């Protein structure tokens, strides 16, 4: 059965203090929502649906050229309502449905694949991706039955002091649902809360009450599930992605005098025995050959560098650099 990913990207992001939608702010050279779309695609998802709302045209523009379907949430009435909008636009869901956040750029494709596989193998109505961050304040906590199944999610504000101490497994907001059961039951979510919104989290309690199987998949590296809600968190996510990409480049034979002073985008390739010196920035589809030395103070965008080149104090966009 085909897999659908729903990327929630309709929010305003008030804490960003910006005139632009939160999800268009960039980690390295790509918008936040782009990373979520890329992770879904590399996980093998068949259909990607991006829910837009605030700044919808700007979000669409930043994903121009991507093979995605846009669904507009004209009234922002919560995450459950966003999924209702997608169900109504598509008619139904066939196969697993993964729900991702457009402001969580660090989730790895292999984690999404594992979430889908676990849902299929156990025939779960819902599988929740969970983590244990160093500071669990503010997160919904997973409550488990003796057999390891999920009994419910208790929001931080609703936890007793004993529960806050005992329950450390946190809800990431990433889920995989059985599409058929989700389409049939999503309308059971109510909005009897202070915000009068429809929360997707409530599906867990609904399924438990129905006797449907709900499980959790724990992610060891909690940084994969960090969301971006402020400029500080944007910088933190960028640093994590910088280290992840630079680590991959160095594992492939690239040297860096100081990895903290080198930035490379997701689509950049660098050949073996190339040295990247401090203040080197490589963006877009830049390709660097083997045995090159780049830096200091180099910024290349969509540029090709031939083997054996030395490039320093250079800004180039859409160029070819040879000896």
Protein backbone atom coordinates (compact mmCIF):
# COMPACT_ATOMS: atom_id res chain seq x y z
CA UNK A 1 0.00 0.00 0.00
CA UNK A 2 1.30 3.51 -0.76
CA UNK A 3 2.63 5.65 2.07
CA UNK A 4 1.48 9.24 2.53
CA UNK A 5 3.39 11.88 4.50
CA UNK A 6 1.55 14.93 5.83
CA UNK A 7 3.91 17.80 6.62
CA UNK A 8 2.31 20.35 8.92
CA UNK A 9 3.48 23.79 7.80
CA UNK A 10 0.54 26.13 8.41
CA UNK A 11 1.63 27.77 11.66
CA UNK A 12 2.65 31.37 12.15
CA UNK A 13 5.62 30.92 14.46
CA UNK A 14 5.07 33.98 16.63
CA UNK A 15 8.26 33.47 18.64
CA UNK A 16 10.37 33.89 15.50
CA UNK A 17 9.44 37.59 15.54
CA UNK A 18 9.35 37.62 11.74
CA UNK A 19 7.27 38.91 8.85
CA UNK A 20 7.74 35.48 7.20
CA UNK A 21 6.25 32.05 8.00
CA UNK A 22 8.37 30.08 10.42
CA UNK A 23 8.94 27.13 8.09
CA UNK A 24 10.65 29.25 5.38
CA UNK A 25 13.49 30.24 7.72
CA UNK A 26 16.63 28.39 6.75
CA UNK A 27 18.83 25.72 8.25
CA UNK A 28 22.05 26.13 6.28
CA UNK A 29 20.80 26.99 2.77
CA UNK A 30 17.39 25.28 2.84
CA UNK A 31 14.04 26.22 4.44
CA UNK A 32 12.93 24.27 7.51
CA UNK A 33 10.04 22.64 5.65
CA UNK A 34 12.36 21.52 2.84
CA UNK A 35 14.26 19.29 5.25
CA UNK A 36 11.05 17.58 6.35
CA UNK A 37 10.03 17.02 2.73
CA UNK A 38 13.50 15.68 1.86
CA UNK A 39 13.47 13.27 4.82
CA UNK A 40 10.06 11.92 3.78
CA UNK A 41 11.18 11.47 0.20
CA UNK A 42 14.41 9.69 1.16
CA UNK A 43 12.38 7.45 3.47
CA UNK A 44 10.54 6.17 0.39
CA UNK A 45 7.20 7.91 0.97
CA UNK A 46 5.00 7.73 -2.12
CA UNK A 47 2.99 10.93 -1.68
CA UNK A 48 3.92 14.06 0.27
CA UNK A 49 1.21 16.53 1.27
CA UNK A 50 2.22 19.89 2.73
CA UNK A 51 -0.43 21.69 4.77
CA UNK A 52 -0.07 25.45 4.32
CA UNK A 53 -1.86 28.33 5.98
CA UNK A 54 -0.03 31.36 7.26
CA UNK A 55 2.04 32.78 4.41
CA UNK A 56 0.83 29.98 2.13
CA UNK A 57 2.18 31.52 -1.08
CA UNK A 58 5.62 31.98 0.44
CA UNK A 59 5.71 28.36 1.64
CA UNK A 60 4.63 27.14 -1.80
CA UNK A 61 7.35 29.26 -3.42
CA UNK A 62 10.11 27.85 -1.23
CA UNK A 63 9.13 24.32 -2.32
CA UNK A 64 8.88 25.18 -6.03
CA UNK A 65 10.02 22.24 -8.10
CA UNK A 66 9.36 19.71 -5.33
CA UNK A 67 6.94 16.88 -6.07
CA UNK A 68 4.44 17.68 -3.33
CA UNK A 69 0.71 18.34 -3.02
CA UNK A 70 -0.40 21.44 -1.14
CA UNK A 71 -3.54 21.56 0.99
CA UNK A 72 -4.51 24.90 2.51
CA UNK A 73 -5.80 25.08 6.06
CA UNK A 74 -7.70 28.33 5.76
CA UNK A 75 -8.66 28.29 9.45
CA UNK A 76 -5.86 27.21 11.79
CA UNK A 77 -7.84 25.08 14.23
CA UNK A 78 -5.11 22.69 15.35
CA UNK A 79 -3.12 19.71 14.12
CA UNK A 80 -6.14 17.40 14.09
CA UNK A 81 -8.01 19.90 11.95
CA UNK A 82 -5.05 20.05 9.55
CA UNK A 83 -5.30 16.28 9.02
CA UNK A 84 -9.06 16.60 8.54
CA UNK A 85 -8.39 19.14 5.78
CA UNK A 86 -6.04 16.71 4.05
CA UNK A 87 -8.54 13.84 4.36
CA UNK A 88 -11.27 16.01 2.88
CA UNK A 89 -9.01 17.17 0.03
CA UNK A 90 -7.77 13.69 -0.85
CA UNK A 91 -11.02 11.85 -0.20
CA UNK A 92 -9.44 9.08 1.88
CA UNK A 93 -6.14 7.57 2.94
CA UNK A 94 -4.74 4.31 1.59
CA UNK A 95 -1.84 2.74 3.41
CA UNK A 96 0.21 4.24 6.24
CA UNK A 97 0.04 7.98 6.93
CA UNK A 98 3.06 9.65 8.52
CA UNK A 99 2.51 13.03 10.14
CA UNK A 100 5.60 15.24 10.30
CA UNK A 101 6.26 18.77 11.52
CA UNK A 102 7.49 21.34 9.03
CA UNK A 103 9.61 22.92 11.75
CA UNK A 104 11.57 19.77 12.69
CA UNK A 105 14.44 19.61 10.17
CA UNK A 106 16.66 17.05 11.91
CA UNK A 107 14.52 13.92 11.59
CA UNK A 108 16.42 11.24 9.67
CA UNK A 109 14.87 9.23 6.80
CA UNK A 110 15.84 5.94 8.43
CA UNK A 111 13.84 6.90 11.52
CA UNK A 112 10.76 7.51 9.37
CA UNK A 113 11.28 4.16 7.62
CA UNK A 114 11.50 2.37 10.97
CA UNK A 115 8.33 4.10 12.19
CA UNK A 116 6.43 2.97 9.09
CA UNK A 117 7.79 -0.58 9.31
CA UNK A 118 6.84 -0.93 12.98
CA UNK A 119 3.33 0.31 12.25
CA UNK A 120 2.87 -2.17 9.43
CA UNK A 121 4.36 -5.15 11.27
CA UNK A 122 2.17 -4.70 14.35
CA UNK A 123 -0.89 -3.47 12.44
CA UNK A 124 -1.03 -0.48 14.78
CA UNK A 125 -3.75 2.11 14.48
CA UNK A 126 -1.12 4.61 15.59
CA UNK A 127 2.58 4.55 16.39
CA UNK A 128 4.08 7.51 18.23
CA UNK A 129 7.70 8.57 17.84
CA UNK A 130 9.11 9.32 21.29
CA UNK A 131 12.26 10.72 22.88
CA UNK A 132 13.80 11.45 26.25
CA UNK A 133 15.36 14.93 26.10
CA UNK A 134 17.55 16.22 28.95
CA UNK A 135 14.78 18.66 29.91
CA UNK A 136 11.31 17.16 29.60
CA UNK A 137 9.52 20.31 30.73
CA UNK A 138 6.61 21.19 28.46
CA UNK A 139 6.42 17.88 26.61
CA UNK A 140 3.47 15.49 26.68
CA UNK A 141 4.41 12.27 28.52
CA UNK A 142 3.70 8.74 27.35
CA UNK A 143 1.94 6.51 29.85
CA UNK A 144 2.46 2.80 29.15
CA UNK A 145 0.47 -0.28 30.09
CA UNK A 146 2.22 -3.29 31.58
CA UNK A 147 2.44 -4.97 28.16
CA UNK A 148 4.32 -1.97 26.72
CA UNK A 149 1.42 -0.58 24.73
CA UNK A 150 0.59 3.10 24.98
CA UNK A 151 -2.12 3.83 27.52
CA UNK A 152 -2.24 7.56 26.86
CA UNK A 153 -0.40 10.84 26.46
CA UNK A 154 -0.59 13.23 29.40
CA UNK A 155 0.22 16.85 28.69
CA UNK A 156 2.85 18.40 30.94
CA UNK A 157 0.39 20.83 32.53
CA UNK A 158 -1.95 17.94 33.38
CA UNK A 159 0.72 15.72 34.99
CA UNK A 160 0.72 15.23 38.73
CA UNK A 161 4.07 15.80 40.52
CA UNK A 162 4.46 12.02 40.72
CA UNK A 163 3.82 11.61 36.98
CA UNK A 164 6.27 14.38 36.09
CA UNK A 165 8.92 12.48 38.04
CA UNK A 166 8.03 9.00 36.78
CA UNK A 167 7.07 9.58 33.14
CA UNK A 168 10.11 10.61 31.10
CA UNK A 169 9.19 9.32 27.63
CA UNK A 170 8.06 12.37 25.63
CA UNK A 171 5.78 12.80 22.63
CA UNK A 172 7.61 14.20 19.59
CA UNK A 173 4.50 15.09 17.61
CA UNK A 174 5.50 12.64 14.87
CA UNK A 175 3.09 9.77 14.21
CA UNK A 176 2.38 6.96 11.79
CA UNK A 177 -1.26 5.99 11.40
CA UNK A 178 -3.12 3.25 9.60
CA UNK A 179 -4.68 5.40 6.88
CA UNK A 180 -8.01 3.63 6.68
CA UNK A 181 -8.63 3.79 10.41
CA UNK A 182 -7.43 7.41 10.54
CA UNK A 183 -9.85 8.51 7.81
CA UNK A 184 -12.72 6.73 9.54
CA UNK A 185 -12.02 8.12 13.02
CA UNK A 186 -10.40 11.55 12.65
CA UNK A 187 -13.79 13.26 13.05
CA UNK A 188 -14.03 11.88 16.59
CA UNK A 189 -11.54 14.52 17.75
CA UNK A 190 -13.31 17.27 19.64
CA UNK A 191 -12.35 20.86 20.44
CA UNK A 192 -13.49 21.03 24.06
CA UNK A 193 -10.35 22.77 25.29
CA UNK A 194 -9.18 26.27 26.15
CA UNK A 195 -8.05 26.98 22.58
CA UNK A 196 -11.11 25.35 20.95
CA UNK A 197 -8.75 23.50 18.62
CA UNK A 198 -8.64 19.91 17.34
CA UNK A 199 -5.45 18.20 18.52
CA UNK A 200 -4.08 15.16 16.71
CA UNK A 201 -2.69 13.92 20.02
CA UNK A 202 -6.27 13.14 21.05
CA UNK A 203 -6.34 10.29 18.50
CA UNK A 204 -4.18 8.28 20.89
CA UNK A 205 -6.80 8.39 23.64
CA UNK A 206 -9.58 7.76 21.14
CA UNK A 207 -7.86 4.63 19.81
CA UNK A 208 -7.04 3.34 23.30
CA UNK A 209 -10.70 3.77 24.24
CA UNK A 210 -11.69 1.82 21.13
CA UNK A 211 -9.28 -1.00 21.95
CA UNK A 212 -7.16 -0.27 18.88
CA UNK A 213 -3.42 -0.96 19.18
CA UNK A 214 -1.23 2.08 19.87
CA UNK A 215 2.54 1.74 20.29
CA UNK A 216 5.65 3.90 20.60
CA UNK A 217 9.02 3.90 18.86
CA UNK A 218 11.81 5.48 20.88
CA UNK A 219 14.51 7.56 19.17
CA UNK A 220 17.84 7.41 21.00
CA UNK A 221 19.14 10.68 19.58
CA UNK A 222 16.64 13.20 20.89
CA UNK A 223 18.11 15.98 18.72
CA UNK A 224 16.43 14.36 15.70
CA UNK A 225 13.09 15.46 17.08
CA UNK A 226 13.90 18.99 18.16
CA UNK A 227 11.49 21.57 16.80
CA UNK A 228 12.34 25.15 15.87
CA UNK A 229 10.21 27.81 17.51
CA UNK A 230 12.69 30.65 17.96
CA UNK A 231 15.82 32.14 16.42
CA UNK A 232 17.91 30.52 19.16
CA UNK A 233 16.47 27.09 18.32
CA UNK A 234 17.05 27.78 14.63
CA UNK A 235 20.75 28.36 15.35
CA UNK A 236 20.88 25.20 17.46
CA UNK A 237 19.33 23.10 14.70
CA UNK A 238 21.70 24.62 12.14
CA UNK A 239 24.69 23.65 14.29
CA UNK A 240 23.46 20.06 14.56
CA UNK A 241 22.97 19.83 10.78
CA UNK A 242 26.35 21.47 10.13
CA UNK A 243 28.10 18.84 12.25
CA UNK A 244 26.09 16.04 10.64
CA UNK A 245 26.98 17.07 7.07
CA UNK A 246 30.60 17.90 7.87
CA UNK A 247 30.97 14.55 9.57
CA UNK A 248 29.72 12.82 6.43
CA UNK A 249 32.15 14.79 4.25
CA UNK A 250 35.11 14.01 6.48
CA UNK A 251 34.15 10.33 6.58
CA UNK A 252 34.35 10.45 2.76
CA UNK A 253 37.92 11.75 2.71
CA UNK A 254 37.58 15.54 3.08
CA UNK A 255 39.81 17.42 5.56
CA UNK A 256 38.73 20.42 7.63
CA UNK A 257 41.06 22.51 9.73
CA UNK A 258 38.10 23.52 11.90
CA UNK A 259 34.73 21.85 11.15
CA UNK A 260 32.92 24.54 13.15
CA UNK A 261 34.08 27.10 10.58
CA UNK A 262 32.89 25.22 7.46
CA UNK A 263 29.29 25.17 6.19
CA UNK A 264 27.99 22.91 3.42
CA UNK A 265 24.44 22.44 2.17
CA UNK A 266 22.57 19.17 1.73
CA UNK A 267 23.24 18.89 -2.03
CA UNK A 268 26.96 19.73 -1.94
CA UNK A 269 29.52 17.11 -2.99
CA UNK A 270 33.25 17.28 -2.25
CA UNK A 271 35.93 14.93 -3.57
CA UNK A 272 38.60 13.05 -1.67
CA UNK A 273 41.74 14.75 -0.38
CA UNK A 274 40.16 18.18 -0.63
CA UNK A 275 40.87 20.56 2.25
CA UNK A 276 38.22 23.02 3.41
CA UNK A 277 39.74 25.89 5.39
CA UNK A 278 37.86 28.18 7.82
CA UNK A 279 35.09 30.46 6.55
CA UNK A 280 34.24 28.21 3.60
CA UNK A 281 30.54 28.15 2.67
CA UNK A 282 29.26 25.78 -0.03
CA UNK A 283 25.62 26.15 -1.02
CA UNK A 284 23.15 24.82 -3.58
CA UNK A 285 24.36 22.14 -5.96
CA UNK A 286 28.03 23.04 -5.62
CA UNK A 287 30.41 20.25 -6.65
CA UNK A 288 34.07 20.29 -5.62
CA UNK A 289 36.57 17.89 -7.16
CA UNK A 290 39.40 15.94 -5.57
CA UNK A 291 42.66 17.32 -4.12
CA UNK A 292 41.40 20.91 -3.92
CA UNK A 293 42.04 23.53 -1.27
CA UNK A 294 39.19 25.93 -0.56
CA UNK A 295 39.42 28.90 1.79
CA UNK A 296 39.81 30.88 3.77
CA UNK A 297 36.86 33.17 3.01
CA UNK A 298 35.17 31.29 0.16
CA UNK A 299 31.46 31.26 -0.65
CA UNK A 300 30.33 29.15 -3.61
CA UNK A 301 26.73 28.64 -4.75
CA UNK A 302 25.75 26.23 -7.56
CA UNK A 303 29.38 26.21 -8.64
CA UNK A 304 31.63 23.44 -10.02
CA UNK A 305 35.29 23.26 -8.98
CA UNK A 306 37.58 20.99 -11.01
CA UNK A 307 40.13 18.61 -9.46
CA UNK A 308 43.29 20.11 -8.03
CA UNK A 309 42.09 23.73 -7.71
CA UNK A 310 43.08 26.21 -5.03
CA UNK A 311 40.32 28.74 -4.31
CA UNK A 312 40.60 31.49 -1.72
CA UNK A 313 38.92 34.84 -1.00
CA UNK A 314 36.24 34.07 -3.60
CA UNK A 315 32.48 34.50 -4.02
CA UNK A 316 31.03 32.60 -7.01
CA UNK A 317 27.45 31.86 -8.09
CA UNK A 318 26.74 29.47 -10.94
CA UNK A 319 30.35 29.35 -12.11
CA UNK A 320 32.87 26.73 -13.20
CA UNK A 321 36.34 27.02 -11.68
CA UNK A 322 39.29 25.25 -13.28
CA UNK A 323 43.08 25.47 -13.07
